[in-house]
C-alpha cells in the first residue's frame, strides 16, 4: 500500500508531491463507495417502512421514528466524533467509521425488537457526517487547489448515485424478498469500503498540534457558523418539496402510484447532474456557486408550486430541484477554507447542517399542508427558505469582503 502523506492543512499538496492520477482515482473510488453505502442506507428505509411496521407490529407512522433516529445520529455524531477523534489519523478514522456503519446496518437487519431496530438506526447514523467530512478532506488534499471542489464532488457522487440506483434496488429487493436483505446489503457495502480504504487510501500523519481544543476552535469562527447556517436554512427547500413528492404526484398531478418511482429517478438524475456541474462551477467561483444556487432554488421551487398540476412540468421541476444539490461540494469546500486548522469538525458538521435542513424543510412543508394550502405549496416553503438563506449568505459575503479590506489595508 502507498505511503503518500495526506496533508493536514487546508491547502492541497505541492505539485511535485501530488500522487499519480491512478492513485487519486482509486482513493476517490474507495471513498465514493462509502458514500454510496451511506446514501443507500439512509434513504432505502423510506420505501420499506410498511414492511418494517408489519414485522414489528407497529403503525407506519410509528415506524417512521427510525428515520428520525438516524437523522439524530447524524446530527450528534458528526461534531462529537470529529472532536473526540482529533488525534486520530484520517485513514484510521475512516476505517473505524465504516466498521461502525457496517456493524450498525447488519445489526439493524438482525434486530429482534422495534426498540432495538430504532437504536441501531441511530448507531448507523453516527458515522455519517464525520465520514463525509473526513473523506472530503482526504480527497481535496490529494489534488491541486483549483480542483478541490471536483475532488469533493467525486466523493459525494457515491451519495448521489445511491439516490439513483442504490435506493431503488435495495427497496425493490427488500420488498420482494425481505426488508432485512436491504440492510444486510448496505452492511456488505460498508465492509467492501473498509477493504478499499485499507488497500488504496494512503497512510497519513497526525499533526502534533492536533487536538479536540483546536477542533472546537472552528466554532469560534463566525464564517463557520454562517456557512453552516446557509446549509441548514437555505437548502431546507429541497427537502420541503421532496418529502411530499409522492402525494404531490398522485393528488396534485393526478398521476398513478406507478409514476412515483419515475419522479424519484428524475430527482436522482438531477442530483447527479447538480453534483457534477456544481463541483466544476465551485472550482471557478466558490461564493458565486453558493449564492447563485440559492437564487436558482428560489426560481425553480416557485415554478414547482405554480405548475405542479401539470405532469410534464412536475417531472421537469423535480429534476431541476434535484440539480440544486450543486451547492453540496461548494459548501463542503467553503468550510475547508473558513475553518483554518479546525477542518475536521467544520467539514463533518456540514452534514449535520444538511440534516437540520431536512428536518426543517419537512416540518414546515407538513405545517403548510396541514393548514390546507395543499402539497404543491411545499415549493413556496422551499423558496422562502432559500430566500432566508440568501440573507445568511449576504452576511457571510460582507464579512468576507471586510476581512479582505482589512488585510489590504
Protein backbone atom coordinates (compact mmCIF):
# COMPACT_ATOMS: atom_id res chain seq x y z
CA UNK A 1 0.00 0.00 0.00
CA UNK A 2 1.12 3.55 -0.78
CA UNK A 3 2.77 5.63 1.90
CA UNK A 4 1.93 9.02 0.37
CA UNK A 5 1.18 11.52 3.11
CA UNK A 6 -2.17 13.25 3.35
CA UNK A 7 -1.86 16.92 4.25
CA UNK A 8 -3.45 18.23 7.42
CA UNK A 9 -3.67 21.80 6.12
CA UNK A 10 -6.38 23.49 4.11
CA UNK A 11 -4.20 23.55 1.01
CA UNK A 12 -3.58 20.69 -1.38
CA UNK A 13 -0.12 19.21 -1.73
CA UNK A 14 2.54 20.98 -3.80
CA UNK A 15 2.53 19.87 -7.45
CA UNK A 16 5.77 17.91 -7.08
CA UNK A 17 4.30 15.89 -4.19
CA UNK A 18 0.95 15.06 -5.77
CA UNK A 19 0.19 11.34 -6.16
CA UNK A 20 -0.41 9.83 -9.58
CA UNK A 21 -3.78 10.15 -11.32
CA UNK A 22 -4.34 6.41 -10.84
CA UNK A 23 -3.76 6.64 -7.10
CA UNK A 24 -6.11 9.61 -6.81
CA UNK A 25 -8.80 7.80 -8.82
CA UNK A 26 -8.58 4.68 -6.64
CA UNK A 27 -8.79 6.75 -3.46
CA UNK A 28 -11.82 8.63 -4.76
CA UNK A 29 -13.45 5.32 -5.79
CA UNK A 30 -12.90 3.88 -2.31
CA UNK A 31 -14.32 6.96 -0.60
CA UNK A 32 -17.27 7.19 -3.01
CA UNK A 33 -18.11 3.55 -2.28
CA UNK A 34 -18.63 4.50 1.35
CA UNK A 35 -20.82 7.41 0.27
CA UNK A 36 -22.88 5.00 -1.84
CA UNK A 37 -23.43 2.73 1.15
CA UNK A 38 -24.35 5.60 3.46
CA UNK A 39 -26.75 7.14 0.93
CA UNK A 40 -28.43 3.80 0.25
CA UNK A 41 -28.79 3.03 3.95
CA UNK A 42 -30.23 6.47 4.70
CA UNK A 43 -32.92 6.53 2.00
CA UNK A 44 -33.85 2.86 1.49
CA UNK A 45 -35.83 2.75 4.74
CA UNK A 46 -38.32 5.27 3.34
CA UNK A 47 -39.66 2.72 0.87
CA UNK A 48 -39.59 -0.12 3.40
CA UNK A 49 -41.47 1.47 6.31
CA UNK A 50 -44.67 -0.56 5.75
CA UNK A 51 -42.65 -3.80 5.73
CA UNK A 52 -40.82 -2.82 8.91
CA UNK A 53 -44.12 -1.87 10.54
CA UNK A 54 -45.63 -5.27 9.71
CA UNK A 55 -42.62 -7.15 11.10
CA UNK A 56 -42.64 -5.34 14.44
CA UNK A 57 -46.45 -4.90 14.67
CA UNK A 58 -46.35 -1.10 14.80
CA UNK A 59 -48.06 1.52 12.65
CA UNK A 60 -46.29 3.03 9.65
CA UNK A 61 -46.10 6.47 11.35
CA UNK A 62 -44.51 4.80 14.38
CA UNK A 63 -42.05 3.03 12.09
CA UNK A 64 -41.14 6.47 10.78
CA UNK A 65 -39.41 7.16 14.10
CA UNK A 66 -36.44 5.15 12.80
CA UNK A 67 -35.84 7.85 10.16
CA UNK A 68 -35.69 10.47 12.89
CA UNK A 69 -33.38 8.22 14.92
CA UNK A 70 -30.94 8.00 12.02
CA UNK A 71 -31.04 11.77 11.45
CA UNK A 72 -30.42 12.34 15.16
CA UNK A 73 -27.40 10.07 14.94
CA UNK A 74 -26.02 12.16 12.08
CA UNK A 75 -26.55 15.47 13.86
CA UNK A 76 -24.97 14.25 17.10
CA UNK A 77 -22.29 12.01 15.66
CA UNK A 78 -20.65 14.44 13.24
CA UNK A 79 -19.36 17.05 15.74
CA UNK A 80 -18.82 14.63 18.63
CA UNK A 81 -16.74 12.17 16.60
CA UNK A 82 -14.77 14.97 14.94
CA UNK A 83 -13.75 16.34 18.33
CA UNK A 84 -13.05 13.03 20.07
CA UNK A 85 -11.05 11.68 17.11
CA UNK A 86 -8.98 14.84 16.61
CA UNK A 87 -5.71 12.98 17.28
CA UNK A 88 -6.61 10.00 15.10
CA UNK A 89 -5.09 9.60 11.63
CA UNK A 90 -7.68 10.25 8.94
CA UNK A 91 -7.22 6.84 7.30
CA UNK A 92 -7.68 5.11 10.65
CA UNK A 93 -10.76 7.22 11.39
CA UNK A 94 -12.30 6.38 8.01
CA UNK A 95 -11.76 2.66 8.62
CA UNK A 96 -13.30 2.91 12.10
CA UNK A 97 -16.31 4.87 10.87
CA UNK A 98 -17.04 2.37 8.11
CA UNK A 99 -16.73 -0.56 10.50
CA UNK A 100 -19.27 1.08 12.83
CA UNK A 101 -21.55 1.83 9.89
CA UNK A 102 -21.36 -1.76 8.61
CA UNK A 103 -21.97 -3.18 12.09
CA UNK A 104 -24.91 -0.84 12.65
CA UNK A 105 -26.65 -1.90 9.44
CA UNK A 106 -26.02 -5.62 9.89
CA UNK A 107 -27.31 -5.33 13.46
CA UNK A 108 -30.35 -3.44 12.14
CA UNK A 109 -31.17 -6.42 9.93
CA UNK A 110 -30.87 -8.76 12.91
CA UNK A 111 -32.75 -6.59 15.44
CA UNK A 112 -35.23 -8.70 17.46
CA UNK A 113 -37.46 -5.80 18.57
CA UNK A 114 -38.57 -2.43 17.22
CA UNK A 115 -36.76 -0.62 20.03
CA UNK A 116 -33.53 -2.41 19.17
CA UNK A 117 -34.00 -1.65 15.49
CA UNK A 118 -34.56 2.05 16.23
CA UNK A 119 -31.43 2.19 18.38
CA UNK A 120 -29.34 0.50 15.69
CA UNK A 121 -30.56 3.04 13.12
CA UNK A 122 -29.31 5.75 15.50
CA UNK A 123 -25.94 3.98 15.72
CA UNK A 124 -25.81 3.63 11.93
CA UNK A 125 -26.26 7.39 11.58
CA UNK A 126 -23.41 8.33 13.92
CA UNK A 127 -20.57 7.87 11.35
CA UNK A 128 -22.45 9.62 8.51
CA UNK A 129 -21.32 13.23 8.85
CA UNK A 130 -17.82 12.51 10.11
CA UNK A 131 -17.22 10.09 7.23
CA UNK A 132 -18.21 12.54 4.52
CA UNK A 133 -16.30 15.37 6.20
CA UNK A 134 -13.05 13.42 6.57
CA UNK A 135 -13.42 11.79 3.14
CA UNK A 136 -13.80 15.24 1.56
CA UNK A 137 -10.65 16.47 3.33
CA UNK A 138 -8.65 13.46 2.18
CA UNK A 139 -9.82 13.78 -1.43
CA UNK A 140 -9.15 17.53 -1.53
CA UNK A 141 -5.66 17.16 -0.06
CA UNK A 142 -4.53 14.94 -2.96
CA UNK A 143 -5.29 17.33 -5.85
CA UNK A 144 -4.26 20.86 -6.85
CA UNK A 145 -6.10 23.67 -5.05
CA UNK A 146 -8.05 24.65 -8.16
CA UNK A 147 -9.56 21.15 -8.38
CA UNK A 148 -10.61 20.64 -4.75
CA UNK A 149 -14.35 21.02 -5.29
CA UNK A 150 -14.32 18.49 -8.12
CA UNK A 151 -12.49 16.02 -5.88
CA UNK A 152 -15.11 16.57 -3.17
CA UNK A 153 -17.84 16.16 -5.80
CA UNK A 154 -16.46 12.77 -6.83
CA UNK A 155 -16.62 11.58 -3.23
CA UNK A 156 -20.20 12.84 -2.93
CA UNK A 157 -21.00 11.12 -6.22
CA UNK A 158 -21.42 7.97 -4.17
CA UNK A 159 -24.29 9.64 -2.30
CA UNK A 160 -26.00 10.93 -5.43
CA UNK A 161 -25.65 7.61 -7.28
CA UNK A 162 -27.23 5.96 -4.24
CA UNK A 163 -30.39 8.01 -4.79
CA UNK A 164 -30.47 6.93 -8.42
CA UNK A 165 -29.51 3.25 -8.17
CA UNK A 166 -28.80 2.04 -4.64
CA UNK A 167 -32.05 3.10 -3.02
CA UNK A 168 -34.42 1.83 -5.76
CA UNK A 169 -32.59 -1.50 -6.00
CA UNK A 170 -32.45 -2.19 -2.26
CA UNK A 171 -36.09 -1.10 -1.92
CA UNK A 172 -37.12 -3.48 -4.72
CA UNK A 173 -35.28 -6.46 -3.27
CA UNK A 174 -36.31 -5.53 0.26
CA UNK A 175 -39.97 -5.54 -0.77
CA UNK A 176 -39.66 -8.65 -2.95
CA UNK A 177 -37.63 -10.78 -0.54
CA UNK A 178 -37.39 -9.34 2.96
CA UNK A 179 -36.59 -5.84 4.22
CA UNK A 180 -33.68 -7.24 6.22
CA UNK A 181 -31.96 -8.02 2.90
CA UNK A 182 -31.64 -4.28 2.26
CA UNK A 183 -29.70 -3.67 5.48
CA UNK A 184 -27.52 -6.74 5.06
CA UNK A 185 -26.65 -5.40 1.59
CA UNK A 186 -25.77 -1.96 2.96
CA UNK A 187 -23.65 -3.60 5.65
CA UNK A 188 -21.81 -5.52 2.94
CA UNK A 189 -21.10 -2.28 1.05
CA UNK A 190 -19.70 -0.89 4.31
CA UNK A 191 -17.33 -3.85 4.65
CA UNK A 192 -16.33 -3.54 1.00
CA UNK A 193 -15.48 0.11 1.66
CA UNK A 194 -13.30 -0.91 4.61
CA UNK A 195 -11.33 -3.19 2.28
CA UNK A 196 -10.99 -0.50 -0.40
CA UNK A 197 -9.84 2.13 2.10
CA UNK A 198 -7.36 -0.32 3.61
CA UNK A 199 -5.75 -1.05 0.23
CA UNK A 200 -5.96 2.29 -1.54
CA UNK A 201 -6.10 5.23 0.88
CA UNK A 202 -2.54 6.21 1.85
CA UNK A 203 -1.42 6.46 5.44
CA UNK A 204 -1.27 9.93 6.91
CA UNK A 205 0.49 11.58 9.81
CA UNK A 206 -1.36 13.42 12.55
CA UNK A 207 -0.22 16.98 13.18
CA UNK A 208 1.45 17.46 16.56
CA UNK A 209 -0.86 20.42 17.18
CA UNK A 210 -4.00 18.35 16.54
CA UNK A 211 -6.41 18.04 19.44
CA UNK A 212 -10.00 18.48 20.48
CA UNK A 213 -9.42 22.07 21.62
CA UNK A 214 -8.10 23.01 18.19
CA UNK A 215 -11.12 21.41 16.53
CA UNK A 216 -13.51 23.19 18.87
CA UNK A 217 -11.85 26.38 17.68
CA UNK A 218 -13.92 26.04 14.49
CA UNK A 219 -16.96 27.23 16.42
CA UNK A 220 -15.17 30.43 17.37
CA UNK A 221 -15.10 31.44 13.71
CA UNK A 222 -18.18 33.39 12.53
CA UNK A 223 -17.72 32.25 8.93
CA UNK A 224 -18.07 28.61 10.00
CA UNK A 225 -21.41 29.36 11.66
CA UNK A 226 -22.58 31.40 8.69
CA UNK A 227 -21.67 28.67 6.20
CA UNK A 228 -23.44 26.05 8.31
CA UNK A 229 -26.40 28.43 8.57
CA UNK A 230 -26.59 28.69 4.79
CA UNK A 231 -26.81 24.90 4.58
CA UNK A 232 -29.29 24.49 7.45
CA UNK A 233 -31.69 27.23 6.31
CA UNK A 234 -31.10 27.86 2.63
CA UNK A 235 -31.28 24.27 1.48
CA UNK A 236 -34.26 23.08 3.52
CA UNK A 237 -36.40 23.86 0.47
CA UNK A 238 -35.27 20.78 -1.42
CA UNK A 239 -36.43 18.59 1.46
CA UNK A 240 -39.69 20.51 1.91
CA UNK A 241 -40.63 19.56 -1.64
CA UNK A 242 -39.08 16.08 -1.82
CA UNK A 243 -40.57 14.84 1.47
CA UNK A 244 -44.07 15.03 -0.05
CA UNK A 245 -43.32 14.28 -3.69
CA UNK A 246 -45.33 11.03 -3.68
CA UNK A 247 -48.52 12.78 -2.58
CA UNK A 248 -47.88 15.71 -4.93
CA UNK A 249 -47.56 13.25 -7.81
CA UNK A 250 -50.79 11.38 -7.08
CA UNK A 251 -53.02 14.10 -5.59
CA UNK A 252 -51.91 17.26 -7.43
CA UNK A 253 -50.71 15.99 -10.82
CA UNK A 254 -53.30 13.18 -10.60
CA UNK A 255 -50.87 10.51 -11.75
CA UNK A 256 -50.94 6.87 -10.69
CA UNK A 257 -48.69 5.48 -7.96
CA UNK A 258 -46.54 3.91 -10.68
CA UNK A 259 -45.38 7.43 -11.59
CA UNK A 260 -43.82 7.99 -8.16
CA UNK A 261 -40.68 5.89 -8.87
CA UNK A 262 -40.25 7.87 -12.09
CA UNK A 263 -40.24 11.11 -10.10
CA UNK A 264 -37.69 9.62 -7.69
CA UNK A 265 -35.44 8.66 -10.60
CA UNK A 266 -35.75 12.16 -12.09
CA UNK A 267 -34.74 13.63 -8.73
CA UNK A 268 -31.76 11.27 -8.56
CA UNK A 269 -30.66 12.18 -12.09
CA UNK A 270 -30.94 15.84 -11.12
CA UNK A 271 -28.79 15.34 -8.02
CA UNK A 272 -26.07 13.66 -10.06
CA UNK A 273 -26.15 16.40 -12.69
CA UNK A 274 -26.07 19.07 -9.99
CA UNK A 275 -23.15 17.41 -8.23
CA UNK A 276 -21.14 17.28 -11.46
CA UNK A 277 -21.94 20.82 -12.62
CA UNK A 278 -21.78 22.35 -9.13
CA UNK A 279 -18.34 20.94 -8.31
CA UNK A 280 -16.98 22.30 -11.61
CA UNK A 281 -18.52 25.72 -11.01
CA UNK A 282 -17.27 25.80 -7.40
CA UNK A 283 -13.69 25.46 -8.60
CA UNK A 284 -14.30 28.55 -10.74
CA UNK A 285 -16.16 30.63 -8.12
CA UNK A 286 -16.94 29.20 -4.69
CA UNK A 287 -19.08 32.03 -3.35
CA UNK A 288 -20.68 32.60 -6.74
CA UNK A 289 -21.82 28.98 -6.87
CA UNK A 290 -23.33 29.11 -3.37
CA UNK A 291 -25.13 32.42 -3.89
CA UNK A 292 -26.21 31.52 -7.42
CA UNK A 293 -27.66 28.18 -6.31
CA UNK A 294 -29.82 29.92 -3.69
CA UNK A 295 -31.30 32.23 -6.34
CA UNK A 296 -31.73 29.22 -8.63
CA UNK A 297 -33.63 27.35 -5.91
CA UNK A 298 -36.00 30.28 -5.36
CA UNK A 299 -36.93 30.31 -9.06
CA UNK A 300 -37.23 26.54 -9.50
CA UNK A 301 -39.19 25.88 -6.29
CA UNK A 302 -41.62 28.71 -7.05
CA UNK A 303 -42.14 27.28 -10.54
CA UNK A 304 -42.75 23.88 -8.95
CA UNK A 305 -45.66 25.25 -6.90
CA UNK A 306 -47.13 27.12 -9.85
CA UNK A 307 -47.03 24.19 -12.29
CA UNK A 308 -47.25 21.03 -10.13
CA UNK A 309 -50.67 20.11 -11.56
CA UNK A 310 -49.07 19.62 -14.99
CA UNK A 311 -47.41 16.16 -15.07
CA UNK A 312 -44.71 17.22 -17.53
CA UNK A 313 -43.82 20.37 -15.64
CA UNK A 314 -43.85 18.40 -12.39
CA UNK A 315 -41.27 15.98 -13.79
CA UNK A 316 -39.12 18.83 -15.12
CA UNK A 317 -39.23 20.72 -11.82
CA UNK A 318 -38.42 17.61 -9.78
CA UNK A 319 -35.32 17.13 -11.96
CA UNK A 320 -34.36 20.80 -11.64
CA UNK A 321 -34.84 20.82 -7.85
CA UNK A 322 -32.53 17.79 -7.67
CA UNK A 323 -29.95 19.83 -9.60
CA UNK A 324 -29.94 22.19 -6.61
CA UNK A 325 -27.55 19.70 -4.99
CA UNK A 326 -24.92 21.67 -6.92
CA UNK A 327 -24.28 23.58 -3.69
CA UNK A 328 -23.14 20.45 -1.82
CA UNK A 329 -19.49 20.35 -2.97
CA UNK A 330 -19.27 24.15 -2.80
CA UNK A 331 -20.39 24.34 0.84
CA UNK A 332 -18.10 21.46 1.81
CA UNK A 333 -15.13 23.17 0.17
CA UNK A 334 -16.06 26.56 1.67
CA UNK A 335 -15.90 25.05 5.15
CA UNK A 336 -12.37 23.85 4.45
CA UNK A 337 -11.38 27.44 3.74
CA UNK A 338 -13.05 29.17 6.67
CA UNK A 339 -12.22 26.56 9.33
CA UNK A 340 -8.44 27.11 9.07
CA UNK A 341 -6.80 24.50 11.33
CA UNK A 342 -10.11 23.03 12.63
CA UNK A 343 -11.19 21.44 9.37
CA UNK A 344 -12.42 18.06 10.58
CA UNK A 345 -15.11 19.42 12.89
CA UNK A 346 -16.28 22.01 10.38
CA UNK A 347 -16.35 19.59 7.44
CA UNK A 348 -18.22 16.94 9.43
CA UNK A 349 -20.73 19.47 10.76
CA UNK A 350 -21.78 20.30 7.20
CA UNK A 351 -23.78 17.08 7.12
CA UNK A 352 -25.36 17.86 10.47
CA UNK A 353 -26.47 21.15 8.93
CA UNK A 354 -28.00 19.39 5.93
CA UNK A 355 -29.88 17.00 8.20
CA UNK A 356 -31.20 20.01 10.12
CA UNK A 357 -32.29 21.40 6.75
CA UNK A 358 -34.04 18.10 6.10
CA UNK A 359 -35.92 18.31 9.39
CA UNK A 360 -36.83 22.00 8.98
CA UNK A 361 -37.98 21.56 5.40
CA UNK A 362 -40.12 18.50 6.08
CA UNK A 363 -41.64 20.09 9.21
CA UNK A 364 -42.54 23.40 7.56
CA UNK A 365 -43.85 21.61 4.48
CA UNK A 366 -46.08 19.49 6.72
CA UNK A 367 -47.38 22.59 8.51
CA UNK A 368 -48.38 24.27 5.24
CA UNK A 369 -50.16 21.11 4.11
CA UNK A 370 -51.93 20.79 7.47
CA UNK A 371 -53.10 24.39 7.17
CA UNK A 372 -54.89 23.47 3.96
CA UNK A 373 -52.62 25.01 1.31
CA UNK A 374 -52.01 21.67 -0.41
CA UNK A 375 -48.97 19.62 -1.37
CA UNK A 376 -47.94 21.95 -4.19
CA UNK A 377 -47.39 24.74 -1.66
CA UNK A 378 -44.28 22.96 -0.36
CA UNK A 379 -42.42 24.65 -3.22
CA UNK A 380 -43.29 28.08 -1.82
CA UNK A 381 -41.96 26.93 1.55
CA UNK A 382 -38.73 25.89 -0.12
CA UNK A 383 -38.44 29.19 -1.99
CA UNK A 384 -38.94 31.10 1.27
CA UNK A 385 -36.20 29.08 2.98
CA UNK A 386 -33.82 29.74 0.09
CA UNK A 387 -34.67 33.44 0.33
CA UNK A 388 -33.78 33.41 4.03
CA UNK A 389 -30.60 31.56 3.14
CA UNK A 390 -29.67 34.47 0.87
CA UNK A 391 -29.64 36.79 3.89
CA UNK A 392 -27.23 34.46 5.70
CA UNK A 393 -25.12 34.28 2.54
CA UNK A 394 -25.10 38.10 2.29
CA UNK A 395 -23.84 38.35 5.87
CA UNK A 396 -21.07 35.86 5.07
CA UNK A 397 -20.15 37.74 1.89
CA UNK A 398 -19.99 41.09 3.69
CA UNK A 399 -17.80 39.62 6.41
CA UNK A 400 -15.52 38.14 3.74
CA UNK A 401 -15.13 41.50 1.96
CA UNK A 402 -14.49 43.27 5.25
CA UNK A 403 -11.75 40.80 6.09
CA UNK A 404 -10.10 41.24 2.69
CA UNK A 405 -10.27 45.02 3.01
CA UNK A 406 -8.63 44.84 6.44
CA UNK A 407 -5.83 42.65 5.06
CA UNK A 408 -5.28 45.01 2.11
CA UNK A 409 -5.01 47.98 4.49
